[in-house]
């Protein structure tokens, strides 16, 4: 049975996405950020305004603004070296990738915190999805790309995992703790902050829920994941009581 997520009412989707992004960035002290599939570049600009050193990447530079505060890079996100960055933003990109490319991206991230804004196959989508199936061990549905400016690059269909399979994929790629934004942006879309087991939160934001901590794996990983989950919960509780 699918649990229907709470969804933000009114105000528009983009302002809500900006709000969540700003709050998730506030969990970190700053540093180097890469925005994958940057598109219009507005999230990259917000990060730069907040003091981050930002590189924005997209295979299509058509919508890049003229803004010298951000380094704009025209490249396939599947070929970008992610090792120099402290935080990785994957906003409106993950659901345009195949499962192979999703796993590849997460593994290339090397345990760096990732902010993922994505649709999932939770049974509430209004998009035309295939019947649910299991692909490479992950349950979800295929989405046929319409071939527009905001569509995928180089693949005609993309994979939308179920929330459970997304958590599984993240866990298997080194992210045992996942923080999700509540309420959701859309019935089938929200932000997921994927964290390594040794993450310690600073300056927490509001409106997040620890939705997954590793339940399987080595005892050490499980213990670390649970400690991170407790730290995040305590930090969020302190923020709400201010």
Protein backbone atom coordinates (compact mmCIF):
# COMPACT_ATOMS: atom_id res chain seq x y z
CA UNK A 1 0.00 0.00 0.00
CA UNK A 2 1.38 3.42 -1.00
CA UNK A 3 1.51 6.06 1.71
CA UNK A 4 0.41 9.36 0.27
CA UNK A 5 2.99 12.06 1.07
CA UNK A 6 2.06 15.47 2.36
CA UNK A 7 2.28 18.02 -0.47
CA UNK A 8 2.92 21.75 -0.24
CA UNK A 9 -0.27 23.69 -0.92
CA UNK A 10 -0.18 26.95 -2.86
CA UNK A 11 2.72 29.29 -3.52
CA UNK A 12 3.99 27.50 -6.63
CA UNK A 13 6.54 24.74 -7.12
CA UNK A 14 9.66 26.81 -7.86
CA UNK A 15 9.51 28.95 -4.67
CA UNK A 16 9.11 25.75 -2.64
CA UNK A 17 12.11 24.21 -4.41
CA UNK A 18 14.16 27.34 -3.69
CA UNK A 19 13.16 27.19 -0.03
CA UNK A 20 14.17 23.55 0.36
CA UNK A 21 17.43 24.02 -1.51
CA UNK A 22 18.41 27.00 0.64
CA UNK A 23 17.63 25.08 3.83
CA UNK A 24 19.59 22.02 2.76
CA UNK A 25 22.60 24.15 1.84
CA UNK A 26 22.40 25.67 5.32
CA UNK A 27 23.31 22.27 6.78
CA UNK A 28 26.85 22.81 5.48
CA UNK A 29 29.50 25.45 6.29
CA UNK A 30 30.16 26.24 2.60
CA UNK A 31 32.78 25.23 0.06
CA UNK A 32 32.70 23.99 -3.53
CA UNK A 33 29.39 22.93 -5.05
CA UNK A 34 28.61 21.45 -8.45
CA UNK A 35 25.13 21.76 -9.95
CA UNK A 36 24.55 18.86 -12.36
CA UNK A 37 22.02 19.44 -15.14
CA UNK A 38 21.88 23.10 -14.12
CA UNK A 39 19.43 24.15 -16.86
CA UNK A 40 18.28 27.72 -16.14
CA UNK A 41 21.04 28.11 -13.56
CA UNK A 42 18.92 29.71 -10.85
CA UNK A 43 19.91 27.19 -8.18
CA UNK A 44 23.58 27.65 -9.03
CA UNK A 45 23.14 31.42 -8.70
CA UNK A 46 21.46 31.02 -5.31
CA UNK A 47 24.34 28.89 -4.06
CA UNK A 48 26.88 31.42 -5.30
CA UNK A 49 24.97 34.22 -3.60
CA UNK A 50 25.10 32.21 -0.37
CA UNK A 51 28.90 32.15 -0.59
CA UNK A 52 29.57 28.84 -2.33
CA UNK A 53 32.12 28.42 -5.12
CA UNK A 54 29.84 27.02 -7.81
CA UNK A 55 30.29 25.11 -11.05
CA UNK A 56 27.13 24.57 -13.12
CA UNK A 57 27.09 21.80 -15.72
CA UNK A 58 24.64 21.04 -18.51
CA UNK A 59 24.93 19.42 -21.92
CA UNK A 60 22.69 22.20 -23.27
CA UNK A 61 23.95 25.72 -22.51
CA UNK A 62 20.87 27.34 -24.08
CA UNK A 63 19.42 28.54 -20.78
CA UNK A 64 22.63 29.50 -19.01
CA UNK A 65 22.42 33.11 -17.77
CA UNK A 66 25.29 35.55 -18.03
CA UNK A 67 26.61 35.55 -14.49
CA UNK A 68 30.31 35.61 -13.65
CA UNK A 69 29.70 34.44 -10.08
CA UNK A 70 29.23 30.89 -11.43
CA UNK A 71 31.51 28.79 -13.61
CA UNK A 72 29.33 27.53 -16.49
CA UNK A 73 30.43 24.26 -18.07
CA UNK A 74 28.90 22.71 -21.19
CA UNK A 75 29.40 18.97 -20.76
CA UNK A 76 27.56 15.68 -20.39
CA UNK A 77 27.04 15.23 -16.64
CA UNK A 78 28.00 11.56 -17.00
CA UNK A 79 31.55 12.61 -17.85
CA UNK A 80 32.18 15.20 -15.14
CA UNK A 81 34.80 14.60 -12.44
CA UNK A 82 32.98 15.03 -9.11
CA UNK A 83 35.98 14.56 -6.82
CA UNK A 84 36.87 18.29 -6.35
CA UNK A 85 33.51 19.23 -4.83
CA UNK A 86 32.19 19.29 -1.28
CA UNK A 87 28.48 19.05 -2.11
CA UNK A 88 26.76 17.80 -5.27
CA UNK A 89 23.41 19.19 -6.43
CA UNK A 90 21.31 16.94 -8.66
CA UNK A 91 18.14 18.99 -9.14
CA UNK A 92 15.63 17.83 -11.73
CA UNK A 93 18.21 15.50 -13.28
CA UNK A 94 18.03 12.10 -11.59
CA UNK A 95 14.71 11.15 -13.20
CA UNK A 96 16.22 11.85 -16.63
CA UNK A 97 18.85 9.10 -16.24
CA UNK A 98 18.90 5.37 -16.82
CA UNK A 99 19.44 3.14 -13.76
CA UNK A 100 23.00 2.47 -14.91
CA UNK A 101 23.74 6.20 -15.05
CA UNK A 102 22.01 6.81 -11.71
CA UNK A 103 24.23 4.26 -9.99
CA UNK A 104 27.31 5.54 -11.83
CA UNK A 105 26.64 9.11 -10.69
CA UNK A 106 26.20 8.05 -7.06
CA UNK A 107 29.38 5.97 -7.10
CA UNK A 108 31.38 8.75 -8.76
CA UNK A 109 30.21 11.12 -6.03
CA UNK A 110 32.45 9.17 -3.68
CA UNK A 111 30.40 9.69 -0.54
CA UNK A 112 30.10 13.48 -0.89
CA UNK A 113 26.71 14.80 0.31
CA UNK A 114 24.20 14.94 -2.56
CA UNK A 115 21.06 17.05 -2.79
CA UNK A 116 18.64 15.20 -5.08
CA UNK A 117 15.40 16.79 -6.31
CA UNK A 118 13.54 14.10 -8.20
CA UNK A 119 10.33 12.38 -9.18
CA UNK A 120 9.88 8.82 -7.94
CA UNK A 121 7.48 6.04 -8.82
CA UNK A 122 5.28 6.08 -5.74
CA UNK A 123 2.03 5.35 -7.55
CA UNK A 124 0.93 8.99 -7.53
CA UNK A 125 2.51 10.29 -10.74
CA UNK A 126 0.48 11.96 -13.48
CA UNK A 127 3.28 11.30 -15.98
CA UNK A 128 2.99 8.41 -18.45
CA UNK A 129 5.06 5.66 -16.86
CA UNK A 130 5.48 2.05 -17.89
CA UNK A 131 4.23 -0.80 -15.76
CA UNK A 132 6.35 -1.25 -12.66
CA UNK A 133 9.22 -3.72 -13.03
CA UNK A 134 12.58 -4.65 -11.53
CA UNK A 135 15.70 -3.44 -13.37
CA UNK A 136 19.15 -4.41 -12.07
CA UNK A 137 17.61 -5.16 -8.69
CA UNK A 138 15.70 -1.87 -8.41
CA UNK A 139 11.92 -1.63 -8.66
CA UNK A 140 10.42 1.24 -10.62
CA UNK A 141 9.05 2.36 -13.98
CA UNK A 142 10.38 3.67 -17.25
CA UNK A 143 9.56 7.19 -18.46
CA UNK A 144 9.75 7.84 -22.19
CA UNK A 145 11.49 11.17 -22.77
CA UNK A 146 9.56 13.63 -25.01
CA UNK A 147 12.70 15.03 -26.64
CA UNK A 148 12.29 18.61 -25.43
CA UNK A 149 14.83 21.17 -24.23
CA UNK A 150 14.36 19.97 -20.66
CA UNK A 151 14.47 16.26 -21.55
CA UNK A 152 17.29 13.78 -21.14
CA UNK A 153 20.55 13.92 -23.05
CA UNK A 154 21.47 10.81 -25.05
CA UNK A 155 18.85 8.40 -23.69
CA UNK A 156 15.29 8.01 -24.93
CA UNK A 157 13.89 6.69 -21.70
CA UNK A 158 14.68 7.20 -18.04
CA UNK A 159 14.11 5.21 -14.87
CA UNK A 160 11.98 6.33 -11.94
CA UNK A 161 12.68 4.10 -8.94
CA UNK A 162 10.20 3.56 -6.15
CA UNK A 163 11.14 5.42 -2.94
CA UNK A 164 12.22 2.12 -1.39
CA UNK A 165 14.46 1.34 -4.37
CA UNK A 166 15.90 4.85 -4.30
CA UNK A 167 16.87 4.33 -0.65
CA UNK A 168 18.33 0.94 -1.56
CA UNK A 169 20.34 2.45 -4.43
CA UNK A 170 21.66 5.22 -2.20
CA UNK A 171 22.57 2.80 0.58
CA UNK A 172 24.42 0.49 -1.78
CA UNK A 173 26.37 3.46 -3.17
CA UNK A 174 27.57 4.67 0.23
CA UNK A 175 24.68 6.79 1.50
CA UNK A 176 23.10 5.04 4.49
CA UNK A 177 21.22 8.14 5.70
CA UNK A 178 18.60 10.00 3.64
CA UNK A 179 16.85 13.18 4.74
CA UNK A 180 13.69 14.09 2.83
CA UNK A 181 11.88 17.41 2.62
CA UNK A 182 8.35 17.56 3.99
CA UNK A 183 5.84 18.41 2.66
CA UNK A 184 6.65 17.13 -0.82
CA UNK A 185 7.00 19.53 -3.76
CA UNK A 186 4.55 17.44 -5.80
CA UNK A 187 2.73 14.19 -5.00
CA UNK A 188 5.57 12.23 -6.62
CA UNK A 189 8.48 14.64 -6.18
CA UNK A 190 10.60 16.00 -3.34
CA UNK A 191 14.18 16.66 -2.25
CA UNK A 192 16.36 13.91 -0.79
CA UNK A 193 19.61 14.74 0.96
CA UNK A 194 21.89 11.70 0.79
CA UNK A 195 24.53 11.60 3.51
CA UNK A 196 27.55 9.41 4.24
CA UNK A 197 27.74 7.57 7.56
CA UNK A 198 30.22 10.04 9.09
CA UNK A 199 28.26 13.23 8.40
CA UNK A 200 27.86 15.71 11.28
CA UNK A 201 25.20 18.40 10.65
CA UNK A 202 25.86 22.07 11.28
CA UNK A 203 23.43 24.99 11.04
CA UNK A 204 20.34 22.81 10.39
CA UNK A 205 17.37 23.94 8.32
CA UNK A 206 13.69 23.30 8.94
CA UNK A 207 11.11 20.96 7.48
CA UNK A 208 13.22 17.82 7.00
CA UNK A 209 12.56 14.27 8.12
CA UNK A 210 15.08 11.45 8.39
CA UNK A 211 13.23 8.94 6.24
CA UNK A 212 15.84 6.23 5.95
CA UNK A 213 18.85 4.96 7.86
CA UNK A 214 20.72 1.84 6.91
CA UNK A 215 19.18 -1.33 8.27
CA UNK A 216 21.51 -3.71 6.51
CA UNK A 217 25.26 -3.82 5.99
CA UNK A 218 28.18 -4.14 8.36
CA UNK A 219 27.48 -3.45 12.02
CA UNK A 220 29.85 -0.49 11.90
CA UNK A 221 27.99 1.14 8.98
CA UNK A 222 24.61 0.55 10.63
CA UNK A 223 25.80 2.06 13.91
CA UNK A 224 27.26 5.10 12.15
CA UNK A 225 24.12 5.59 10.07
CA UNK A 226 21.94 5.50 13.17
CA UNK A 227 24.22 7.99 14.94
CA UNK A 228 23.98 10.38 11.97
CA UNK A 229 20.19 10.00 11.95
CA UNK A 230 20.05 10.85 15.66
CA UNK A 231 22.33 13.89 15.18
CA UNK A 232 20.18 15.22 12.34
CA UNK A 233 16.97 14.70 14.33
CA UNK A 234 18.41 16.49 17.37
CA UNK A 235 19.70 19.36 15.24
CA UNK A 236 16.33 19.77 13.55
CA UNK A 237 14.52 19.64 16.89
CA UNK A 238 16.76 22.41 18.25
CA UNK A 239 16.11 24.52 15.14
CA UNK A 240 12.33 24.13 15.48
CA UNK A 241 12.44 25.22 19.12
CA UNK A 242 14.33 28.45 18.43
